[in-house]
N, C-alpha and C. Protein backbone atom coordinates (compact mmCIF):
# COMPACT_ATOMS: atom_id res chain seq x y z
N MET A 1 189.95 48.78 98.48
CA MET A 1 189.65 48.99 96.76
C MET A 1 189.58 50.45 96.55
N VAL A 2 190.44 50.59 95.46
CA VAL A 2 190.35 52.14 94.98
C VAL A 2 189.22 52.20 93.99
N ARG A 3 188.50 53.42 94.16
CA ARG A 3 187.45 53.78 93.43
C ARG A 3 187.89 54.47 92.41
N THR A 4 187.24 54.34 91.26
CA THR A 4 187.31 55.07 89.85
C THR A 4 186.55 55.58 89.44
N HIS A 5 186.43 56.89 88.74
CA HIS A 5 185.30 57.44 88.39
C HIS A 5 184.95 57.03 87.08
N GLY A 6 185.69 56.79 86.22
CA GLY A 6 185.20 56.38 84.79
C GLY A 6 184.93 57.76 83.99
N MET A 7 184.90 57.27 82.65
CA MET A 7 184.70 58.39 81.69
C MET A 7 183.24 58.71 81.13
N GLY A 8 182.32 57.72 81.78
CA GLY A 8 181.16 58.01 81.28
C GLY A 8 179.98 58.35 82.48
N LEU A 9 179.14 59.12 82.28
CA LEU A 9 178.16 59.79 83.21
C LEU A 9 176.91 59.74 82.82
N LEU A 10 175.84 59.16 83.26
CA LEU A 10 174.46 59.17 83.19
C LEU A 10 173.82 60.20 84.25
N ALA A 11 173.24 61.06 83.66
CA ALA A 11 172.53 62.20 84.59
C ALA A 11 171.00 61.98 84.16
N GLU A 12 170.35 61.87 85.42
CA GLU A 12 168.90 61.79 85.22
C GLU A 12 168.16 62.91 86.14
N MET A 13 167.32 63.59 85.53
CA MET A 13 166.72 64.92 86.49
C MET A 13 165.23 64.86 86.50
N PHE A 14 164.66 64.99 87.59
CA PHE A 14 163.26 64.62 87.71
C PHE A 14 162.52 65.94 88.58
N ASP A 15 161.41 66.06 88.18
CA ASP A 15 160.47 66.79 89.04
C ASP A 15 159.06 66.04 89.21
N PHE A 16 158.40 65.96 90.21
CA PHE A 16 157.36 65.40 90.52
C PHE A 16 155.97 66.16 90.91
N ALA A 17 154.73 65.85 90.86
CA ALA A 17 153.98 66.60 91.36
C ALA A 17 153.66 66.69 92.78
N GLU A 18 153.37 67.70 93.51
CA GLU A 18 152.99 67.88 94.79
C GLU A 18 152.41 66.92 95.20
N GLY A 19 152.66 66.08 96.39
CA GLY A 19 151.83 65.20 96.91
C GLY A 19 152.40 63.54 96.39
N GLU A 20 153.31 63.84 95.49
CA GLU A 20 153.83 62.43 95.05
C GLU A 20 155.26 62.54 95.29
N GLU A 21 155.74 63.40 95.61
CA GLU A 21 157.45 63.44 95.73
C GLU A 21 157.92 62.57 96.84
N VAL A 22 157.40 62.41 98.20
CA VAL A 22 157.83 61.45 99.24
C VAL A 22 158.11 59.98 98.42
N GLU A 23 156.91 59.39 97.69
CA GLU A 23 156.98 58.28 97.28
C GLU A 23 157.91 57.95 96.07
N ALA A 24 158.14 59.13 95.22
CA ALA A 24 158.97 59.02 94.11
C ALA A 24 160.32 59.24 94.55
N ARG A 25 160.90 59.93 95.67
CA ARG A 25 162.00 60.21 96.28
C ARG A 25 162.52 59.02 96.84
N ALA A 26 161.78 58.12 97.37
CA ALA A 26 162.05 56.86 98.21
C ALA A 26 162.46 56.01 97.08
N TRP A 27 161.54 55.95 95.80
CA TRP A 27 161.64 55.01 94.59
C TRP A 27 162.93 55.14 94.11
N LEU A 28 163.22 56.56 93.81
CA LEU A 28 164.57 56.90 93.16
C LEU A 28 165.94 56.62 93.85
N ASP A 29 165.97 56.47 95.08
CA ASP A 29 167.00 56.12 95.71
C ASP A 29 167.21 54.49 96.30
N GLU A 30 165.87 54.01 96.71
CA GLU A 30 165.97 52.60 97.00
C GLU A 30 165.71 51.47 95.96
N VAL A 31 165.22 52.02 94.73
CA VAL A 31 165.02 51.14 93.68
C VAL A 31 165.79 51.41 92.56
N ARG A 32 165.68 52.68 91.77
CA ARG A 32 166.22 52.98 90.56
C ARG A 32 167.68 53.12 90.71
N LEU A 33 168.26 53.91 91.54
CA LEU A 33 169.54 54.10 91.53
C LEU A 33 170.42 52.86 92.24
N THR A 34 169.80 52.35 93.18
CA THR A 34 170.44 50.89 93.85
C THR A 34 170.45 49.88 92.55
N ARG A 35 169.40 49.79 91.76
CA ARG A 35 169.62 48.56 90.89
C ARG A 35 170.32 49.03 89.84
N MET A 36 170.61 50.33 89.51
CA MET A 36 171.61 50.80 88.28
C MET A 36 172.86 50.61 88.94
N LEU A 37 173.20 50.78 90.08
CA LEU A 37 174.57 50.48 90.67
C LEU A 37 175.07 49.08 90.69
N GLU A 38 174.16 48.10 90.51
CA GLU A 38 174.44 46.68 90.56
C GLU A 38 174.94 46.32 89.21
N ALA A 39 174.79 47.14 87.89
CA ALA A 39 175.23 46.79 86.64
C ALA A 39 176.71 46.67 86.43
N SER A 40 177.35 45.88 85.72
CA SER A 40 178.59 45.85 85.52
C SER A 40 179.29 47.05 84.87
N GLY A 41 180.59 47.46 85.14
CA GLY A 41 181.00 48.48 84.58
C GLY A 41 180.50 49.76 85.09
N VAL A 42 179.68 49.89 86.28
CA VAL A 42 179.19 51.02 87.02
C VAL A 42 180.22 51.37 87.98
N ASN A 43 180.57 52.57 88.32
CA ASN A 43 181.80 52.64 89.24
C ASN A 43 180.90 53.27 90.82
N GLY A 44 179.89 54.03 90.54
CA GLY A 44 179.48 54.60 91.46
C GLY A 44 178.35 55.65 91.20
N GLY A 45 177.65 56.10 92.20
CA GLY A 45 176.55 56.96 92.08
C GLY A 45 175.72 57.86 93.15
N ALA A 46 175.03 58.70 93.07
CA ALA A 46 174.63 59.37 94.11
C ALA A 46 173.31 59.88 93.81
N SER A 47 172.24 60.23 94.69
CA SER A 47 171.38 61.02 94.38
C SER A 47 171.07 62.30 95.09
N TYR A 48 170.64 63.48 94.47
CA TYR A 48 170.68 64.69 94.95
C TYR A 48 169.42 65.68 94.89
N GLU A 49 169.02 66.58 95.72
CA GLU A 49 168.12 67.27 95.80
C GLU A 49 168.51 68.70 95.61
N VAL A 50 167.93 69.79 95.06
CA VAL A 50 168.46 71.03 94.37
C VAL A 50 168.33 71.84 95.56
N ILE A 51 169.37 72.88 95.52
CA ILE A 51 169.48 73.85 96.65
C ILE A 51 168.88 75.24 95.68
N ASP A 52 169.59 75.17 94.64
CA ASP A 52 169.15 76.46 93.75
C ASP A 52 169.25 75.91 92.25
N GLY A 53 168.18 76.25 91.53
CA GLY A 53 168.03 75.92 90.11
C GLY A 53 167.00 74.90 89.84
N ALA A 54 166.96 74.02 88.85
CA ALA A 54 165.95 72.91 88.77
C ALA A 54 166.28 72.10 87.52
N PRO A 55 165.84 70.91 87.34
CA PRO A 55 164.90 70.38 88.16
C PRO A 55 165.24 70.09 89.71
N ARG A 56 164.16 69.71 90.26
CA ARG A 56 164.36 69.27 91.89
C ARG A 56 165.35 68.25 92.08
N TYR A 57 165.21 67.16 91.30
CA TYR A 57 165.86 65.67 91.77
C TYR A 57 166.83 65.66 90.49
N LEU A 58 168.00 65.05 90.89
CA LEU A 58 168.97 64.66 90.03
C LEU A 58 169.71 63.42 90.73
N ASN A 59 169.75 62.38 89.77
CA ASN A 59 170.74 61.13 89.98
C ASN A 59 171.71 61.06 88.91
N LEU A 60 172.94 60.85 89.62
CA LEU A 60 174.02 60.72 88.96
C LEU A 60 174.59 59.37 88.83
N LEU A 61 175.31 58.60 87.60
CA LEU A 61 175.88 57.20 87.83
C LEU A 61 176.90 57.54 86.92
N GLU A 62 178.14 57.05 87.42
CA GLU A 62 179.45 56.86 86.87
C GLU A 62 179.63 55.56 86.59
N ALA A 63 180.35 55.60 85.25
CA ALA A 63 180.50 53.99 84.69
C ALA A 63 181.90 54.29 83.76
N GLU A 64 182.44 53.13 83.42
CA GLU A 64 183.91 53.09 82.75
C GLU A 64 183.82 53.76 81.59
N ASN A 65 182.83 53.65 80.94
CA ASN A 65 182.68 54.69 79.70
C ASN A 65 181.18 54.58 79.29
N VAL A 66 180.69 55.20 78.35
CA VAL A 66 179.49 55.56 77.90
C VAL A 66 178.84 54.09 77.47
N HIS A 67 179.47 53.15 76.65
CA HIS A 67 179.27 52.08 76.12
C HIS A 67 178.30 51.17 77.32
N VAL A 68 178.67 51.29 78.52
CA VAL A 68 178.36 50.52 79.49
C VAL A 68 176.73 50.89 79.68
N PHE A 69 176.32 52.11 79.37
CA PHE A 69 174.66 52.50 79.26
C PHE A 69 174.16 51.99 78.22
N TYR A 70 174.81 51.34 77.21
CA TYR A 70 174.10 50.98 76.04
C TYR A 70 174.35 49.34 75.82
N GLY A 71 174.92 48.73 76.82
CA GLY A 71 175.36 47.23 76.70
C GLY A 71 173.99 46.66 77.21
N GLU A 72 174.03 45.36 76.68
CA GLU A 72 172.72 44.56 77.01
C GLU A 72 172.24 44.42 78.39
N GLU A 73 173.17 44.42 79.16
CA GLU A 73 172.97 44.18 80.93
C GLU A 73 172.27 45.45 81.12
N PHE A 74 172.83 46.65 81.06
CA PHE A 74 172.06 48.00 81.35
C PHE A 74 170.60 47.92 80.78
N ALA A 75 170.67 47.75 79.55
CA ALA A 75 169.55 47.97 78.60
C ALA A 75 168.33 47.02 79.29
N SER A 76 168.75 45.77 79.51
CA SER A 76 167.78 45.00 80.11
C SER A 76 167.19 45.43 81.26
N LEU A 77 168.12 45.91 82.21
CA LEU A 77 168.22 46.38 83.49
C LEU A 77 166.96 47.67 83.61
N MET A 78 166.99 48.36 82.75
CA MET A 78 166.28 49.71 82.41
C MET A 78 164.64 49.13 81.75
N ASP A 79 164.66 48.18 81.19
CA ASP A 79 163.49 47.46 80.86
C ASP A 79 162.58 46.74 81.55
N SER A 80 163.27 46.41 82.77
CA SER A 80 162.53 45.47 83.68
C SER A 80 161.44 46.17 84.40
N ASP A 81 160.30 45.46 84.85
CA ASP A 81 159.12 46.00 85.60
C ASP A 81 159.41 46.88 86.60
N ASP A 82 160.60 46.39 87.63
CA ASP A 82 160.62 47.14 88.95
C ASP A 82 161.32 48.50 88.42
N MET A 83 161.77 49.05 87.22
CA MET A 83 162.07 50.05 86.87
C MET A 83 161.12 50.99 86.48
N ARG A 84 160.09 50.57 86.41
CA ARG A 84 158.92 51.62 85.97
C ARG A 84 158.42 52.63 87.06
N PHE A 85 158.25 53.68 86.58
CA PHE A 85 158.18 54.63 87.67
C PHE A 85 156.63 54.63 88.51
N PRO A 86 156.56 54.62 89.77
CA PRO A 86 155.46 54.43 90.53
C PRO A 86 154.43 55.52 90.29
N VAL A 87 155.18 56.87 90.33
CA VAL A 87 154.35 57.96 89.82
C VAL A 87 155.19 58.60 88.65
N ALA A 88 154.15 59.03 87.57
CA ALA A 88 154.92 59.73 86.60
C ALA A 88 155.53 60.99 86.96
N PRO A 89 156.94 61.26 86.42
CA PRO A 89 157.54 62.34 86.58
C PRO A 89 156.94 63.68 85.84
N THR A 90 157.03 64.79 86.01
CA THR A 90 156.52 65.94 85.22
C THR A 90 157.50 66.43 84.54
N THR A 91 158.81 66.00 84.95
CA THR A 91 159.96 66.40 84.25
C THR A 91 160.84 65.35 84.01
N HIS A 92 161.32 64.76 83.22
CA HIS A 92 162.31 63.80 83.12
C HIS A 92 163.38 64.04 81.95
N ILE A 93 164.54 64.38 82.35
CA ILE A 93 165.73 64.52 81.54
C ILE A 93 166.88 63.58 81.53
N ARG A 94 166.92 62.90 80.68
CA ARG A 94 168.26 61.75 80.46
C ARG A 94 169.20 62.28 79.80
N LEU A 95 170.41 62.20 80.22
CA LEU A 95 171.51 62.75 79.58
C LEU A 95 172.67 61.73 79.69
N VAL A 96 173.26 61.19 78.78
CA VAL A 96 174.47 60.25 78.66
C VAL A 96 175.30 61.02 78.09
N CYS A 97 176.81 61.21 79.01
CA CYS A 97 177.76 62.13 78.68
C CYS A 97 179.11 61.26 78.61
N ALA A 98 179.98 61.73 77.86
CA ALA A 98 181.27 61.41 77.69
C ALA A 98 182.27 62.33 78.30
N GLN A 99 183.25 62.23 79.16
CA GLN A 99 184.09 63.00 79.61
C GLN A 99 185.07 63.78 78.78
N VAL A 100 185.29 64.74 78.65
CA VAL A 100 186.04 65.47 77.74
C VAL A 100 187.18 66.09 78.36
N TYR A 101 187.20 66.44 79.76
CA TYR A 101 188.10 67.31 80.31
C TYR A 101 188.34 66.62 81.80
N PRO A 102 189.68 66.37 82.05
CA PRO A 102 190.18 65.71 83.19
C PRO A 102 189.36 66.02 84.71
N GLY A 103 189.58 65.16 85.66
CA GLY A 103 188.85 65.47 86.58
C GLY A 103 189.41 66.35 87.66
N LEU A 104 190.57 67.15 87.36
CA LEU A 104 191.30 68.01 88.29
C LEU A 104 191.10 67.53 89.67
N PRO A 105 191.82 66.47 90.35
CA PRO A 105 191.48 66.17 91.63
C PRO A 105 192.13 67.28 92.37
N ALA A 106 191.83 67.55 93.50
CA ALA A 106 192.07 68.77 94.37
C ALA A 106 193.59 68.58 94.90
N ARG A 107 194.27 69.76 94.80
CA ARG A 107 195.67 69.60 95.28
C ARG A 107 195.99 70.04 96.66
N GLN A 108 194.67 70.35 97.50
CA GLN A 108 194.88 70.75 98.74
C GLN A 108 194.97 69.48 99.80
N PRO A 109 195.70 69.58 100.77
CA PRO A 109 195.98 68.60 101.62
C PRO A 109 194.77 68.10 102.48
N ASP A 110 193.62 69.05 102.39
CA ASP A 110 192.46 68.49 103.10
C ASP A 110 191.85 67.03 102.35
N PHE A 111 192.16 66.87 100.97
CA PHE A 111 191.37 65.80 100.32
C PHE A 111 192.50 64.78 99.73
N PRO A 112 193.29 64.24 100.46
CA PRO A 112 194.41 63.39 99.85
C PRO A 112 193.82 62.15 99.10
N SER A 113 192.59 61.86 99.49
CA SER A 113 191.98 60.51 98.76
C SER A 113 191.16 60.95 98.05
N VAL A 114 191.04 62.28 97.21
CA VAL A 114 189.76 62.45 96.33
C VAL A 114 189.76 61.38 95.39
N ASP A 115 190.59 61.16 94.83
CA ASP A 115 190.48 60.13 93.61
C ASP A 115 189.58 58.86 93.64
N ALA A 116 189.84 58.42 95.28
CA ALA A 116 188.89 57.22 95.60
C ALA A 116 187.77 57.59 96.24
N ALA A 117 187.56 58.92 96.31
CA ALA A 117 186.23 59.26 97.34
C ALA A 117 185.24 58.99 96.35
N GLY A 118 183.94 59.09 97.02
CA GLY A 118 182.76 59.36 95.74
C GLY A 118 182.18 60.77 95.51
N LEU A 119 180.98 60.70 94.82
CA LEU A 119 180.69 61.90 94.41
C LEU A 119 180.42 62.98 95.44
N GLY A 120 180.73 64.52 95.44
CA GLY A 120 180.90 65.25 96.37
C GLY A 120 179.50 65.49 97.14
N PRO A 121 179.59 65.91 98.43
CA PRO A 121 178.18 66.37 99.09
C PRO A 121 177.56 67.26 98.40
N VAL A 122 178.08 68.42 97.61
CA VAL A 122 177.44 69.40 97.14
C VAL A 122 178.01 69.47 95.81
N ILE A 123 177.26 69.77 94.68
CA ILE A 123 177.68 69.68 93.51
C ILE A 123 177.12 70.78 92.75
N GLN A 124 177.64 71.35 91.63
CA GLN A 124 177.28 72.40 90.76
C GLN A 124 177.09 71.70 89.45
N PHE A 125 175.98 71.59 88.59
CA PHE A 125 175.57 70.76 87.56
C PHE A 125 175.24 71.80 86.28
N GLY A 126 175.94 72.34 85.54
CA GLY A 126 175.96 73.10 84.30
C GLY A 126 175.51 72.48 82.98
N ARG A 127 174.36 72.73 82.46
CA ARG A 127 174.14 72.46 81.05
C ARG A 127 173.93 73.43 80.02
N ILE A 128 175.01 73.57 79.25
CA ILE A 128 175.33 74.89 78.55
C ILE A 128 175.24 74.59 76.95
N ASN A 129 174.56 75.62 76.50
CA ASN A 129 174.55 75.39 74.70
C ASN A 129 175.67 76.48 74.40
N VAL A 130 176.64 75.81 73.33
CA VAL A 130 177.62 76.64 72.96
C VAL A 130 177.59 76.50 71.31
N PRO A 131 177.55 77.87 70.90
CA PRO A 131 177.41 78.01 69.31
C PRO A 131 178.58 77.11 68.75
N GLU A 132 178.39 76.40 67.61
CA GLU A 132 179.43 75.74 67.02
C GLU A 132 180.64 76.73 66.65
N GLU A 133 180.56 77.82 66.27
CA GLU A 133 181.74 78.73 65.78
C GLU A 133 182.52 79.20 67.29
N ASN A 134 182.04 78.81 68.38
CA ASN A 134 182.60 79.45 69.54
C ASN A 134 183.22 78.13 70.27
N LEU A 135 183.11 76.99 69.77
CA LEU A 135 183.63 75.90 70.66
C LEU A 135 185.14 75.95 70.82
N GLY A 136 185.95 76.35 69.93
CA GLY A 136 187.30 76.51 69.84
C GLY A 136 187.45 77.52 71.36
N ASP A 137 187.05 78.72 71.30
CA ASP A 137 187.21 79.64 72.37
C ASP A 137 186.92 79.08 73.87
N PHE A 138 185.70 78.42 73.67
CA PHE A 138 185.09 77.88 74.79
C PHE A 138 185.93 76.59 75.48
N ASN A 139 186.48 75.69 74.59
CA ASN A 139 187.56 74.65 75.01
C ASN A 139 188.74 75.20 75.68
N GLY A 140 189.07 76.23 74.93
CA GLY A 140 190.37 76.95 75.54
C GLY A 140 189.99 77.66 76.69
N TRP A 141 188.98 78.07 77.05
CA TRP A 141 188.64 78.92 78.27
C TRP A 141 188.95 77.80 79.29
N TYR A 142 188.09 76.77 79.36
CA TYR A 142 188.06 75.68 80.22
C TYR A 142 189.60 75.07 80.45
N SER A 143 190.30 74.86 79.56
CA SER A 143 191.73 74.26 79.67
C SER A 143 192.65 75.41 80.21
N CYS A 144 192.52 76.68 79.92
CA CYS A 144 193.69 77.65 80.11
C CYS A 144 193.21 78.51 81.24
N ASP A 145 192.13 78.85 81.41
CA ASP A 145 191.71 79.82 82.34
C ASP A 145 190.72 79.21 83.56
N ARG A 146 189.60 78.54 83.16
CA ARG A 146 188.62 78.25 84.21
C ARG A 146 189.43 76.98 85.05
N GLY A 147 189.86 75.91 84.62
CA GLY A 147 190.43 74.74 84.94
C GLY A 147 191.63 75.34 85.99
N PRO A 148 192.60 75.95 85.45
CA PRO A 148 193.54 76.47 86.55
C PRO A 148 193.14 77.12 87.66
N LEU A 149 192.15 78.06 87.48
CA LEU A 149 191.43 78.93 88.37
C LEU A 149 190.93 78.21 89.31
N CYS A 150 189.96 77.06 88.93
CA CYS A 150 189.19 76.44 89.68
C CYS A 150 190.18 75.38 90.78
N GLU A 151 191.21 74.90 90.43
CA GLU A 151 192.17 74.16 91.30
C GLU A 151 192.65 74.83 92.50
N LYS A 152 192.38 76.13 92.47
CA LYS A 152 192.85 76.94 93.47
C LYS A 152 191.58 77.33 94.59
N VAL A 153 190.44 76.99 94.17
CA VAL A 153 189.44 77.30 95.14
C VAL A 153 189.31 76.23 96.21
N PRO A 154 189.34 76.89 97.68
CA PRO A 154 189.43 75.73 98.65
C PRO A 154 187.87 75.14 98.90
N GLY A 155 187.79 73.79 99.02
CA GLY A 155 186.81 72.97 98.99
C GLY A 155 186.23 72.43 97.75
N VAL A 156 186.78 72.90 96.62
CA VAL A 156 186.66 72.17 95.27
C VAL A 156 187.33 70.63 95.22
N ARG A 157 186.46 69.75 95.11
CA ARG A 157 187.06 68.46 95.44
C ARG A 157 187.61 68.16 93.53
N ARG A 158 186.93 68.22 92.67
CA ARG A 158 187.19 68.16 91.31
C ARG A 158 186.38 68.88 90.53
N MET A 159 186.77 69.06 89.29
CA MET A 159 185.71 69.49 88.17
C MET A 159 185.99 68.73 86.85
N ARG A 160 184.73 68.48 86.24
CA ARG A 160 184.87 67.78 85.13
C ARG A 160 183.92 68.24 84.12
N ARG A 161 184.28 67.96 82.76
CA ARG A 161 183.52 68.58 81.64
C ARG A 161 183.20 67.29 80.60
N TYR A 162 181.95 67.37 80.23
CA TYR A 162 181.29 66.28 79.30
C TYR A 162 180.71 66.79 78.20
N ASN A 163 180.65 65.85 76.94
CA ASN A 163 179.83 65.99 75.83
C ASN A 163 178.72 65.22 75.90
N THR A 164 177.47 65.55 75.84
CA THR A 164 176.41 64.87 75.76
C THR A 164 176.51 63.64 74.38
N VAL A 165 176.14 62.31 74.56
CA VAL A 165 175.85 61.51 73.42
C VAL A 165 174.65 61.23 73.28
N GLU A 166 173.91 61.66 74.26
CA GLU A 166 172.21 61.16 74.02
C GLU A 166 171.65 62.48 74.90
N GLY A 167 170.51 63.00 74.54
CA GLY A 167 170.03 64.05 75.08
C GLY A 167 170.32 65.41 74.05
N PRO A 168 169.86 66.53 74.63
CA PRO A 168 170.21 67.61 73.81
C PRO A 168 171.87 67.96 73.57
N ARG A 169 172.33 68.44 72.46
CA ARG A 169 173.76 68.62 72.38
C ARG A 169 174.29 69.91 73.23
N LEU A 170 174.83 69.29 74.43
CA LEU A 170 175.15 70.33 75.63
C LEU A 170 176.52 70.08 75.95
N MET A 171 177.08 71.04 76.66
CA MET A 171 178.28 71.01 77.42
C MET A 171 177.89 70.92 78.86
N ILE A 172 177.98 69.69 79.52
CA ILE A 172 177.89 69.46 80.83
C ILE A 172 179.15 69.84 81.50
N VAL A 173 178.78 70.51 82.86
CA VAL A 173 180.04 70.88 83.62
C VAL A 173 179.74 70.41 84.90
N LEU A 174 180.42 69.38 85.80
CA LEU A 174 180.15 69.09 86.82
C LEU A 174 181.34 69.43 87.95
N TYR A 175 180.81 70.18 89.00
CA TYR A 175 181.74 70.81 90.12
C TYR A 175 181.47 70.00 91.53
N GLU A 176 182.47 69.25 91.97
CA GLU A 176 182.17 68.60 93.32
C GLU A 176 182.63 69.42 94.34
N MET A 177 181.89 69.71 95.33
CA MET A 177 182.29 70.60 96.57
C MET A 177 182.15 70.11 97.78
N GLU A 178 182.91 70.67 98.88
CA GLU A 178 182.54 70.00 100.21
C GLU A 178 181.24 70.58 100.79
N ASP A 179 181.02 71.53 100.60
CA ASP A 179 179.46 72.26 101.00
C ASP A 179 179.18 73.57 100.31
N GLU A 180 178.19 73.97 100.81
CA GLU A 180 177.61 75.15 100.00
C GLU A 180 178.40 76.43 100.25
N SER A 181 179.35 76.56 100.93
CA SER A 181 179.97 77.90 101.20
C SER A 181 181.15 78.08 100.34
N VAL A 182 181.46 77.16 99.58
CA VAL A 182 182.55 77.21 98.50
C VAL A 182 182.33 78.22 97.56
N ARG A 183 180.87 78.31 97.21
CA ARG A 183 180.55 79.42 95.92
C ARG A 183 180.64 80.91 96.72
N GLU A 184 180.85 80.75 97.81
CA GLU A 184 180.92 82.30 98.47
C GLU A 184 182.74 82.80 98.89
N THR A 185 183.08 81.77 98.49
CA THR A 185 184.75 82.07 98.59
C THR A 185 185.29 83.11 97.83
N PRO A 186 186.47 83.89 98.04
CA PRO A 186 187.08 85.02 97.16
C PRO A 186 187.59 84.16 96.19
N GLU A 187 187.94 82.77 96.07
CA GLU A 187 188.66 82.37 94.98
C GLU A 187 187.66 81.93 94.08
N TRP A 188 186.41 81.38 94.39
CA TRP A 188 185.35 81.22 93.58
C TRP A 188 185.01 82.43 92.74
N LYS A 189 184.86 83.30 93.48
CA LYS A 189 184.28 84.63 92.70
C LYS A 189 185.44 85.16 91.82
N HIS A 190 186.59 84.95 92.30
CA HIS A 190 187.55 85.42 91.39
C HIS A 190 187.81 84.41 89.95
N MET A 191 187.50 83.30 90.27
CA MET A 191 187.09 82.13 89.20
C MET A 191 186.05 83.00 88.14
N ASN A 192 185.28 83.47 88.66
CA ASN A 192 184.18 83.82 87.92
C ASN A 192 184.28 85.02 87.41
N ALA A 193 185.24 85.83 87.67
CA ALA A 193 185.48 87.27 87.26
C ALA A 193 186.32 87.69 86.29
N SER A 194 186.95 86.60 85.72
CA SER A 194 188.05 86.94 84.65
C SER A 194 187.54 87.27 83.20
N GLU A 195 188.53 87.93 82.71
CA GLU A 195 188.02 88.60 81.21
C GLU A 195 187.62 87.56 80.53
N TRP A 196 188.22 86.47 80.40
CA TRP A 196 187.59 85.39 79.33
C TRP A 196 186.50 84.76 79.81
N THR A 197 186.16 84.78 81.19
CA THR A 197 184.92 84.18 81.53
C THR A 197 183.85 85.02 81.07
N ALA A 198 184.04 86.42 81.35
CA ALA A 198 182.95 87.65 80.61
C ALA A 198 182.80 87.35 79.08
N ARG A 199 183.82 87.15 78.38
CA ARG A 199 183.65 86.85 76.94
C ARG A 199 182.93 85.69 76.76
N VAL A 200 183.26 84.36 77.29
CA VAL A 200 182.50 83.32 77.04
C VAL A 200 180.99 83.10 77.46
N ARG A 201 180.77 84.23 78.56
CA ARG A 201 179.14 84.38 78.95
C ARG A 201 178.40 85.21 77.81
N SER A 202 179.06 85.93 77.18
CA SER A 202 178.39 86.68 75.88
C SER A 202 177.78 85.76 74.89
N TYR A 203 178.36 84.54 74.85
CA TYR A 203 177.88 83.62 73.62
C TYR A 203 177.15 82.46 73.96
N TYR A 204 177.36 82.17 75.26
CA TYR A 204 176.90 80.74 75.55
C TYR A 204 175.49 80.97 76.15
N GLN A 205 174.65 79.81 76.54
CA GLN A 205 173.44 80.13 76.78
C GLN A 205 172.94 78.70 77.81
N GLN A 206 172.54 79.02 78.96
CA GLN A 206 172.41 77.87 79.96
C GLN A 206 170.92 77.54 79.86
N GLU A 207 170.78 76.12 79.82
CA GLU A 207 169.45 75.46 79.66
C GLU A 207 168.74 75.98 81.10
N PRO A 208 167.18 75.95 80.93
CA PRO A 208 166.33 76.43 82.11
C PRO A 208 166.79 75.75 83.27
N GLY A 209 167.00 76.65 84.38
CA GLY A 209 167.36 76.00 85.68
C GLY A 209 168.74 75.75 86.00
N SER A 210 169.57 75.98 84.76
CA SER A 210 171.14 75.75 85.06
C SER A 210 171.82 76.91 85.21
N PRO A 211 172.93 77.06 85.81
CA PRO A 211 173.28 75.77 86.64
C PRO A 211 172.56 75.50 87.87
N GLY A 212 172.47 74.11 88.28
CA GLY A 212 171.84 73.80 89.24
C GLY A 212 172.91 73.45 90.34
N VAL A 213 172.61 73.67 91.68
CA VAL A 213 173.34 73.45 92.70
C VAL A 213 172.46 72.48 93.62
N TYR A 214 173.13 71.34 93.89
CA TYR A 214 172.46 70.27 94.58
C TYR A 214 173.26 69.66 95.68
N LYS A 215 172.52 69.13 96.70
CA LYS A 215 172.94 68.42 97.82
C LYS A 215 172.54 67.10 97.80
N ARG A 216 173.45 66.31 98.06
CA ARG A 216 173.60 64.90 97.99
C ARG A 216 172.59 64.34 99.19
N ARG A 217 171.51 63.42 98.56
CA ARG A 217 170.67 63.00 99.31
C ARG A 217 170.93 61.49 99.97
N GLY A 218 171.06 60.90 99.03
CA GLY A 218 171.60 59.26 98.94
C GLY A 218 172.78 58.99 98.49
N TYR A 219 173.58 58.03 99.00
CA TYR A 219 174.79 57.76 98.63
C TYR A 219 175.11 56.24 98.40
N ALA A 220 175.31 55.69 97.59
CA ALA A 220 175.48 54.35 97.62
C ALA A 220 177.00 53.84 97.59
N ARG A 221 177.51 54.58 96.56
CA ARG A 221 179.29 54.14 96.57
C ARG A 221 179.89 55.09 95.83
C-alpha cells in the first residue's frame, strides 16, 4: 500500500509542568495520537520531542485535506471522554494547516520511496509571521530560491509549506530530515545564505520558539 501525505496538516504543540511530563507524554502517544490516526481520511502521523526551540512536544497528523479535521467523525472523536487531558498542558497550540507548496520529494538515490515513507525522523517546524505587503516576495522566495536550493541538501526528505486555517495567521514550514546533522551540511548553510534569504529575513518574524527542531518519538504510520 502506497502511503499518501495529503494536503491537510494538524499540528498540536504542548508543554507540561515538571513532574507531569511522563504521564502526559505516554498519553499523547498511546491515546491521543493513536485515536486520531483511526479517523477516516487521516493518512499518518508522528509524535516529536524538541531538540532546539519550543514548545517541547509536537504531534503532527496528516490528512487528505483540512476538511477531515472539521468532519463529524473527527469532531466527535475530539469531544470524547478519553481525549480529555489527564494533566493540563501549560502550553497547547493547535494549528490546522492547508498545504500551499509541493512536498519536494528528495531527488537523491538514498530515498527512492520517500513519497511512501512516513514523517521524517527529524523535522524543522517553522511558524512565521509575514506582513501582508510582503507576501508576494515571500512566496517567490520559496518557489524560486528556497525550494530549488533545498532540493540539493543531502538528507532532506521533503519540504512543505502551509497556510493556517485555524490558529494564528502564520506561514508554516515543515522540513523532514534524516538526522540532526543535515543542518550542519554546507548545502544547508548555503541555502540559508542567499541574498533573497537575507532580504526576506529583514521583514518576517518567527513565533516564540520557532523554528523548532524536533526528533521523532512515536511513529504510528
